[in-house]
Amino acid sequence: MYTKRQQSPSKLSDRWIQENNELVNKWKNRDASSQDQNHAVLLLLPEFHKLLKKLQGLPPLEDHAHLEVCVVYNVCLLSIALSRMSEAEQLLKQTIERVLQMAGVEPMASTPPQFWHTPLTGVEPKVTTPAEFWHTVLTSVENTAISSFLKNLLCVQWAIWLANCKFETIEAQKEEFATLSAGIQQNMASDGMSSNIPLLVMEPRKLLELLEICTVIAQEMLKEGRRSEALSLLHPASSLPAPRILIAYTHLVYGCCLAQTGCPNMALLCFRKAVETDFQCVGAQYQTILVLRSLENTRGEIEMLRFLHSTLMLPSNNESVTPGNQLLPLSVLLQSQALQSLLSVPSSLSVLHSLAQKCVLNSRVPEGVEHYLDLLAAIHYDEHGVCSEDSALPRLPELHLEAGTSLLMVKRPGDCMTLCDEVITTTAELLPAHVLLEEPEEEGGAQATSTEGAQDAVAMIFWTGAAHLLQGHSYCELKNWKEAVVHYTRCINLMVKVRFKEKGGQPQVPTTDMVNEKRKDLHILQRMKGLSFAGRGISFAQTDQLRQALRDLNLSLQAFPECVGAGLWCGEVLWRLNRKQEAAKIWEKTWNFSSDLANRIPLYLWVPQFGSVLDCEELRLRIRELDSSKDTSNQE
């Protein structure tokens, strides 16, 4: 009877090893090109759990320790791959308790509360740190055959701590981790001599290499103010054996440290290495854009925006995809907030919008037009609502206005008016009867509006007004001055619906002296007023209605004193009214205008006047002739 009991577990053990190996081979022989790795894990995990229940149905015998630990190792890694950290940690707890019993070690009185409750002795456990616990466990089995098996489980524990961002615990355990490499390699070499050993879904050596580099990458992102120390650790990490994307991440983090220590050019070299290592490391591409922007290298920034957009449009681009046949996704192991912020990039549509806008604002308007049209087409054919969820993108009416502006710049007024009609139609039923802007309660508020509803009302007024303003510009381009006056007037009528209330004051018509850097809404309002009065005044001047023209041009300069078009045409009208000295003075004053408007206003209000541009050289010639005639008359 005794002999039979000894043989039966042995036969079961062989059968269970075979069952384990079949499951592992299923994993290794799966279709690695499939993007849905979680599906394969979900199919395998229940089968491994069934096998584990069979093993744990036997008493804790040392002869089965290796097999049980290997199955637990496989189950834990599959659970971690599905982000089931608590499930994996609970299984670790139970397994360590059984393995210690197999080795004949009494339940320890010092066990961390996150592993298990009061031990069987009834003695309340002494609370220790996880590092002390693992040190005690490994010391207890140091001279037994189980020691090397438990080191595999320590690797699993390391992965759980890393996924949960417990970097202090990892740091406290670094001495134990330092001994893992040699122990695991020795264990793998000795196991390789046997043909009937349980297989693992991921070699402990490869898991260890993955954890080493992921830990370096994740930890160094937290070392604010300790960049020199981070740099000294990141540089050798780039030579560790690891998947390409992880080496790319190392160069990326290294470059960010250099950028933050005032070495932008060296940072750019690191970002370049990251992209050369893995061209789909979009985080490095985006960080390159930010550095180039800080260096005011507009040409380089535009080229990198184009490159980043093309990379994001690749169907295979997904940084959370597991490299090669690796089981654990990087998105699971690298979850620190600082690192996720570094790896995050805008959507492809946001990048395309930035590219289009940057081109238009930097004298590459034809390119910008094509990008805007591509952007609108992508939004039009968006079937999954991705665009509406992209908070980095301006709202659709504003995109139409920006695209319309770029079309007008390349002499396509008809297309511009079509987009403006779309905006007007969309907002027609949403226009409020009036809008009240209120001074922000707290200093530093960027908007004068205080509620979301008020901001939406202001947006409707501004978008519709801007659409009429652009249509007025379009009719100026077509020399249709009568229609231009109609649309400029509609814009003016919308702007006068807006009132502003200062703290403790009454609602009143906004004026130029109320505008400051904190009140962006007021700045846009006054600029739109100024441009619409200027456009209408210029249109009146083109039809020789000089009195009306002078009135509107003066109103334009009151609302928007830096309006160059209004200043030049005001001088032109005065000249035609034979008030030449006044005209010369206002021209001289206009040429001294200066402002940094490009960074403070929407693109659709940055556009200059169309179809009515005065030749400044000719105006200067007139002033010289006026001065000459004045000198001549004085001599006489």
Foldseek 3Di string as FASTA:
>chain_A
DVVVVVVVVVVVLLVLLVQLQVLLVCLVPDDLVDQPNLVSLVVSLVSLVVSLVVVVVDQLALVCLQVNLQSLLQNLLSCLQVVNLLVNLQSLLVSLVSNCVNVVHDDDLADAVSRDAQDPVNRGHDHDAPLVRVVVSLVSCVPDPCNLSVLSVVLSVLLSCLLVVVLVSCVSNVVVLVPSQVSLVVVVVVVVVDPRHRDHSDRSNQSSLASVLLSLLQVLLPPVPPLVVNLVSLVVSLPGDDDLLSNLSSLQSNLVSCVVVPNNVVSLVSLVVSCVSPVLQLLSLVVNLVSCVVVVVLVVNLVSLVSSLVSLPDPPRDQQRQPDSDSHTSCSSRPDPSSVVSSDDAHSLLSLQVNLVSCLVPVNLVVSLVSLVVSVVCVVPDPPCPVVVRPSDDDDLLSLLLNLLSCVVVPNLVSSLVSLVVLCVVLVVVADQAAEFACDPDPLAQASHDDPVRVVNLVSLLSNLLSLLSNLLSVLQVVVLVSSLVSLVVSLVSLQRYWYAYVPGDTDRDWPVVDDRSHLSLVSSLLSQLSSLLSNLLSCVVVVVLVSSLVSLVVSCRSPVLQLSSLLVNLVSCVVVVVNVVSLVSNVVNVPRDDPCVVRDRSSSVRHGHNRDDDNVVVVVVVVVVVVVVVVVVVD
